[in-house]
Amino acid sequence: MTTLAWDLLAQGTSTPSNPSGPEFGKASPLGLVLVVALLAGTVLLIRSMNKQLRKLPDTFQPEHPEADQAADEGTDRGAAVVEVTEPEKPAGGSQADQDPPAKPAS
């Protein structure tokens, strides 16, 4: 009984060694147009990128970096690791220990 059901189910399917069906072997011309359009777009993109890359300089190091270095003076270089030490307190409880810290001028 199982082999009969299996044979009936297998009749409606095609295998890779035995392809069949009304649409087998037919390709739409739209597929060819799509592939050619994608290839043409790829070629144009590659040409455009090569033109842009040729415009770049050989090196990005400036010939005279003095102007750039002068502009960089006083800029924040990011978070640098700095060792913070406590100031030494004078011996004997002077007036400096009792005064509140001065407010920074803005």
N, C-alpha and C. Protein backbone atom coordinates (compact mmCIF):
# COMPACT_ATOMS: atom_id res chain seq x y z
N MET A 1 0.82 -1.18 0.00
CA MET A 1 0.00 0.00 0.00
C MET A 1 0.87 1.26 0.00
N THR A 2 1.94 1.24 0.77
CA THR A 2 2.82 2.40 0.86
C THR A 2 3.51 2.65 -0.46
N THR A 3 3.94 1.60 -1.13
CA THR A 3 4.62 1.78 -2.41
C THR A 3 3.67 2.30 -3.48
N LEU A 4 2.39 1.94 -3.44
CA LEU A 4 1.42 2.44 -4.40
C LEU A 4 1.21 3.94 -4.21
N ALA A 5 1.07 4.38 -2.97
CA ALA A 5 0.90 5.80 -2.69
C ALA A 5 2.16 6.58 -3.08
N TRP A 6 3.28 5.98 -2.81
CA TRP A 6 4.55 6.64 -3.16
C TRP A 6 4.70 6.77 -4.69
N ASP A 7 4.31 5.77 -5.41
CA ASP A 7 4.37 5.81 -6.87
C ASP A 7 3.41 6.85 -7.43
N LEU A 8 2.22 6.98 -6.86
CA LEU A 8 1.25 7.97 -7.34
C LEU A 8 1.76 9.39 -7.06
N LEU A 9 2.36 9.61 -5.93
CA LEU A 9 2.89 10.94 -5.60
C LEU A 9 4.10 11.29 -6.45
N ALA A 10 4.90 10.30 -6.78
CA ALA A 10 6.13 10.54 -7.53
C ALA A 10 5.86 10.81 -9.01
N GLN A 11 4.69 10.44 -9.53
CA GLN A 11 4.41 10.65 -10.94
C GLN A 11 4.27 12.13 -11.30
N GLY A 12 3.79 12.94 -10.38
CA GLY A 12 3.56 14.35 -10.67
C GLY A 12 4.80 15.21 -10.55
N THR A 13 5.89 14.68 -10.07
CA THR A 13 7.10 15.49 -9.90
C THR A 13 8.12 15.16 -10.97
N SER A 14 8.95 16.14 -11.27
CA SER A 14 10.04 15.89 -12.23
C SER A 14 11.35 15.86 -11.45
N THR A 15 12.25 15.08 -11.90
CA THR A 15 13.55 14.95 -11.25
C THR A 15 14.59 15.67 -12.11
N PRO A 16 15.75 16.01 -11.57
CA PRO A 16 16.77 16.68 -12.37
C PRO A 16 17.24 15.85 -13.55
N SER A 17 17.18 14.53 -13.45
CA SER A 17 17.61 13.69 -14.56
C SER A 17 16.52 13.58 -15.62
N ASN A 18 15.27 13.91 -15.26
CA ASN A 18 14.15 13.81 -16.20
C ASN A 18 13.31 15.08 -16.12
N PRO A 19 13.82 16.25 -16.61
CA PRO A 19 13.02 17.47 -16.54
C PRO A 19 11.86 17.41 -17.53
N SER A 20 10.76 17.99 -17.12
CA SER A 20 9.59 18.02 -18.00
C SER A 20 8.73 19.20 -17.61
N GLY A 21 7.70 19.44 -18.38
CA GLY A 21 6.78 20.53 -18.12
C GLY A 21 6.72 21.47 -19.30
N PRO A 22 5.65 22.25 -19.40
CA PRO A 22 5.48 23.11 -20.57
C PRO A 22 6.46 24.29 -20.61
N GLU A 23 6.98 24.72 -19.47
CA GLU A 23 7.88 25.87 -19.42
C GLU A 23 9.35 25.48 -19.36
N PHE A 24 9.66 24.18 -19.45
CA PHE A 24 11.05 23.75 -19.34
C PHE A 24 11.87 24.22 -20.54
N GLY A 25 13.02 24.84 -20.27
CA GLY A 25 13.93 25.23 -21.32
C GLY A 25 13.64 26.59 -21.92
N LYS A 26 12.62 27.27 -21.46
CA LYS A 26 12.26 28.58 -22.03
C LYS A 26 12.77 29.67 -21.09
N ALA A 27 13.43 30.65 -21.65
CA ALA A 27 13.90 31.78 -20.87
C ALA A 27 13.30 33.05 -21.46
N SER A 28 12.98 33.97 -20.61
CA SER A 28 12.40 35.22 -21.05
C SER A 28 13.48 36.16 -21.56
N PRO A 29 13.22 36.92 -22.62
CA PRO A 29 14.20 37.91 -23.08
C PRO A 29 14.42 39.00 -22.03
N LEU A 30 13.47 39.16 -21.14
CA LEU A 30 13.62 40.15 -20.07
C LEU A 30 14.81 39.81 -19.17
N GLY A 31 15.09 38.54 -18.97
CA GLY A 31 16.25 38.13 -18.17
C GLY A 31 17.55 38.55 -18.79
N LEU A 32 17.65 38.41 -20.11
CA LEU A 32 18.86 38.84 -20.82
C LEU A 32 19.04 40.35 -20.72
N VAL A 33 17.96 41.10 -20.89
CA VAL A 33 18.03 42.56 -20.79
C VAL A 33 18.45 42.97 -19.38
N LEU A 34 17.94 42.29 -18.39
CA LEU A 34 18.30 42.61 -17.01
C LEU A 34 19.77 42.33 -16.74
N VAL A 35 20.28 41.21 -17.20
CA VAL A 35 21.69 40.87 -16.99
C VAL A 35 22.59 41.87 -17.71
N VAL A 36 22.25 42.23 -18.94
CA VAL A 36 23.06 43.19 -19.70
C VAL A 36 23.03 44.56 -19.03
N ALA A 37 21.87 44.98 -18.53
CA ALA A 37 21.77 46.27 -17.84
C ALA A 37 22.61 46.29 -16.56
N LEU A 38 22.61 45.20 -15.81
CA LEU A 38 23.42 45.13 -14.60
C LEU A 38 24.91 45.16 -14.93
N LEU A 39 25.32 44.47 -15.98
CA LEU A 39 26.72 44.49 -16.38
C LEU A 39 27.14 45.89 -16.84
N ALA A 40 26.29 46.56 -17.61
CA ALA A 40 26.61 47.91 -18.08
C ALA A 40 26.71 48.88 -16.89
N GLY A 41 25.81 48.75 -15.93
CA GLY A 41 25.87 49.60 -14.74
C GLY A 41 27.13 49.36 -13.94
N THR A 42 27.54 48.11 -13.83
CA THR A 42 28.77 47.77 -13.10
C THR A 42 29.99 48.37 -13.79
N VAL A 43 30.04 48.28 -15.10
CA VAL A 43 31.17 48.84 -15.85
C VAL A 43 31.22 50.36 -15.68
N LEU A 44 30.07 51.02 -15.75
CA LEU A 44 30.05 52.47 -15.57
C LEU A 44 30.47 52.88 -14.15
N LEU A 45 30.04 52.13 -13.15
CA LEU A 45 30.44 52.43 -11.78
C LEU A 45 31.94 52.25 -11.58
N ILE A 46 32.51 51.22 -12.17
CA ILE A 46 33.95 50.98 -12.03
C ILE A 46 34.74 52.10 -12.71
N ARG A 47 34.31 52.51 -13.90
CA ARG A 47 35.00 53.61 -14.60
C ARG A 47 34.93 54.91 -13.79
N SER A 48 33.76 55.20 -13.24
CA SER A 48 33.60 56.43 -12.45
C SER A 48 34.48 56.40 -11.20
N MET A 49 34.54 55.26 -10.53
CA MET A 49 35.36 55.15 -9.33
C MET A 49 36.84 55.30 -9.66
N ASN A 50 37.27 54.75 -10.78
CA ASN A 50 38.67 54.90 -11.18
C ASN A 50 39.01 56.36 -11.46
N LYS A 51 38.09 57.10 -12.07
CA LYS A 51 38.33 58.53 -12.31
C LYS A 51 38.47 59.29 -11.00
N GLN A 52 37.62 58.96 -10.03
CA GLN A 52 37.69 59.65 -8.73
C GLN A 52 38.97 59.29 -7.99
N LEU A 53 39.40 58.05 -8.07
CA LEU A 53 40.62 57.64 -7.38
C LEU A 53 41.87 58.25 -8.00
N ARG A 54 41.84 58.52 -9.30
CA ARG A 54 42.99 59.16 -9.94
C ARG A 54 43.15 60.60 -9.48
N LYS A 55 42.07 61.24 -9.03
CA LYS A 55 42.13 62.62 -8.57
C LYS A 55 42.80 62.76 -7.20
N LEU A 56 42.90 61.67 -6.45
CA LEU A 56 43.48 61.73 -5.11
C LEU A 56 44.99 61.96 -5.20
N PRO A 57 45.54 62.66 -4.21
CA PRO A 57 47.00 62.85 -4.21
C PRO A 57 47.71 61.56 -3.83
N ASP A 58 49.01 61.51 -4.15
CA ASP A 58 49.80 60.32 -3.82
C ASP A 58 49.93 60.14 -2.31
N THR A 59 50.06 61.24 -1.59
CA THR A 59 50.18 61.19 -0.14
C THR A 59 49.34 62.32 0.46
N PHE A 60 48.88 62.11 1.65
CA PHE A 60 48.08 63.12 2.32
C PHE A 60 48.92 63.95 3.30
N GLN A 61 50.23 63.78 3.29
CA GLN A 61 51.12 64.56 4.14
C GLN A 61 51.32 65.94 3.49
N PRO A 62 51.07 67.03 4.24
CA PRO A 62 51.27 68.36 3.65
C PRO A 62 52.76 68.66 3.48
N GLU A 63 53.08 69.49 2.46
CA GLU A 63 54.48 69.85 2.22
C GLU A 63 55.00 70.79 3.30
N HIS A 64 54.14 71.70 3.75
CA HIS A 64 54.52 72.67 4.78
C HIS A 64 53.50 72.59 5.92
N PRO A 65 53.74 71.74 6.92
CA PRO A 65 52.75 71.53 7.97
C PRO A 65 52.75 72.61 9.06
N GLU A 66 53.57 73.65 8.92
CA GLU A 66 53.67 74.64 9.99
C GLU A 66 52.33 75.34 10.23
N ALA A 67 51.61 75.67 9.18
CA ALA A 67 50.33 76.36 9.35
C ALA A 67 49.33 75.48 10.08
N ASP A 68 49.31 74.20 9.76
CA ASP A 68 48.40 73.28 10.45
C ASP A 68 48.79 73.10 11.91
N GLN A 69 50.09 73.06 12.17
CA GLN A 69 50.54 72.89 13.55
C GLN A 69 50.22 74.12 14.38
N ALA A 70 50.32 75.31 13.78
CA ALA A 70 50.00 76.54 14.52
C ALA A 70 48.51 76.58 14.84
N ALA A 71 47.68 76.10 13.94
CA ALA A 71 46.24 76.08 14.19
C ALA A 71 45.87 75.06 15.25
N ASP A 72 46.67 74.01 15.40
CA ASP A 72 46.38 72.96 16.37
C ASP A 72 46.81 73.32 17.79
N GLU A 73 47.61 74.36 17.97
CA GLU A 73 48.07 74.72 19.30
C GLU A 73 46.87 75.10 20.17
N GLY A 74 46.79 74.53 21.33
CA GLY A 74 45.72 74.85 22.27
C GLY A 74 44.46 74.04 22.06
N THR A 75 44.42 73.18 21.10
CA THR A 75 43.23 72.36 20.92
C THR A 75 43.30 71.15 21.82
N ASP A 76 42.14 70.61 22.10
CA ASP A 76 42.05 69.44 22.97
C ASP A 76 42.46 68.21 22.18
N ARG A 77 43.43 67.49 22.67
CA ARG A 77 43.94 66.31 21.99
C ARG A 77 43.19 65.05 22.41
N GLY A 78 42.16 65.18 23.17
CA GLY A 78 41.44 64.00 23.65
C GLY A 78 41.80 63.73 25.10
N ALA A 79 41.27 62.67 25.61
CA ALA A 79 41.50 62.33 27.00
C ALA A 79 42.89 61.69 27.14
N ALA A 80 43.77 62.41 27.78
CA ALA A 80 45.12 61.89 28.03
C ALA A 80 45.20 61.41 29.46
N VAL A 81 45.96 60.37 29.67
CA VAL A 81 46.14 59.84 31.01
C VAL A 81 47.20 60.68 31.71
N VAL A 82 46.78 61.36 32.78
CA VAL A 82 47.68 62.23 33.53
C VAL A 82 47.62 61.79 34.98
N GLU A 83 48.76 61.66 35.58
CA GLU A 83 48.80 61.27 36.99
C GLU A 83 48.51 62.51 37.84
N VAL A 84 47.51 62.41 38.69
CA VAL A 84 47.12 63.53 39.55
C VAL A 84 47.67 63.27 40.95
N THR A 85 48.37 64.27 41.47
CA THR A 85 48.92 64.15 42.82
C THR A 85 48.31 65.23 43.69
N GLU A 86 48.15 64.91 44.94
CA GLU A 86 47.61 65.87 45.91
C GLU A 86 48.71 66.85 46.30
N PRO A 87 48.37 68.13 46.39
CA PRO A 87 49.40 69.09 46.83
C PRO A 87 49.74 68.85 48.31
N GLU A 88 50.96 69.14 48.65
CA GLU A 88 51.40 68.95 50.03
C GLU A 88 50.81 70.04 50.91
N LYS A 89 50.30 69.62 52.06
CA LYS A 89 49.72 70.58 53.00
C LYS A 89 50.83 71.09 53.92
N PRO A 90 50.82 72.37 54.17
CA PRO A 90 51.85 72.91 55.08
C PRO A 90 51.62 72.38 56.50
N ALA A 91 52.69 72.16 57.19
CA ALA A 91 52.62 71.66 58.56
C ALA A 91 52.21 72.79 59.50
N GLY A 92 51.35 72.49 60.43
CA GLY A 92 51.02 73.47 61.47
C GLY A 92 49.70 74.17 61.27
N GLY A 93 48.78 73.75 60.46
CA GLY A 93 47.44 74.31 60.38
C GLY A 93 47.41 75.79 60.06
N SER A 94 47.93 76.22 58.96
CA SER A 94 47.97 77.64 58.62
C SER A 94 46.62 78.11 58.10
N GLN A 95 46.54 79.39 57.75
CA GLN A 95 45.33 80.01 57.25
C GLN A 95 44.91 79.41 55.90
N ALA A 96 45.86 78.90 55.12
CA ALA A 96 45.55 78.35 53.80
C ALA A 96 44.65 77.12 53.89
N ASP A 97 44.73 76.37 55.00
CA ASP A 97 43.88 75.19 55.16
C ASP A 97 42.44 75.58 55.43
N GLN A 98 42.18 76.75 55.99
CA GLN A 98 40.83 77.12 56.39
C GLN A 98 40.10 77.94 55.35
N ASP A 99 40.77 78.53 54.39
CA ASP A 99 40.13 79.34 53.37
C ASP A 99 39.47 78.44 52.32
N PRO A 100 38.27 78.82 51.86
CA PRO A 100 37.66 78.05 50.77
C PRO A 100 38.42 78.30 49.48
N PRO A 101 38.35 77.39 48.57
CA PRO A 101 39.07 77.58 47.31
C PRO A 101 38.48 78.75 46.52
N ALA A 102 39.34 79.43 45.79
CA ALA A 102 38.91 80.58 45.00
C ALA A 102 38.13 80.09 43.78
N LYS A 103 37.14 80.90 43.36
CA LYS A 103 36.35 80.56 42.20
C LYS A 103 37.14 80.89 40.94
N PRO A 104 37.07 80.05 39.94
CA PRO A 104 37.82 80.35 38.70
C PRO A 104 37.18 81.51 37.96
N ALA A 105 38.02 82.34 37.35
CA ALA A 105 37.52 83.47 36.56
C ALA A 105 37.02 82.96 35.24
N SER A 106 35.85 83.45 34.81
CA SER A 106 35.31 82.97 33.54
C SER A 106 35.38 83.99 32.47
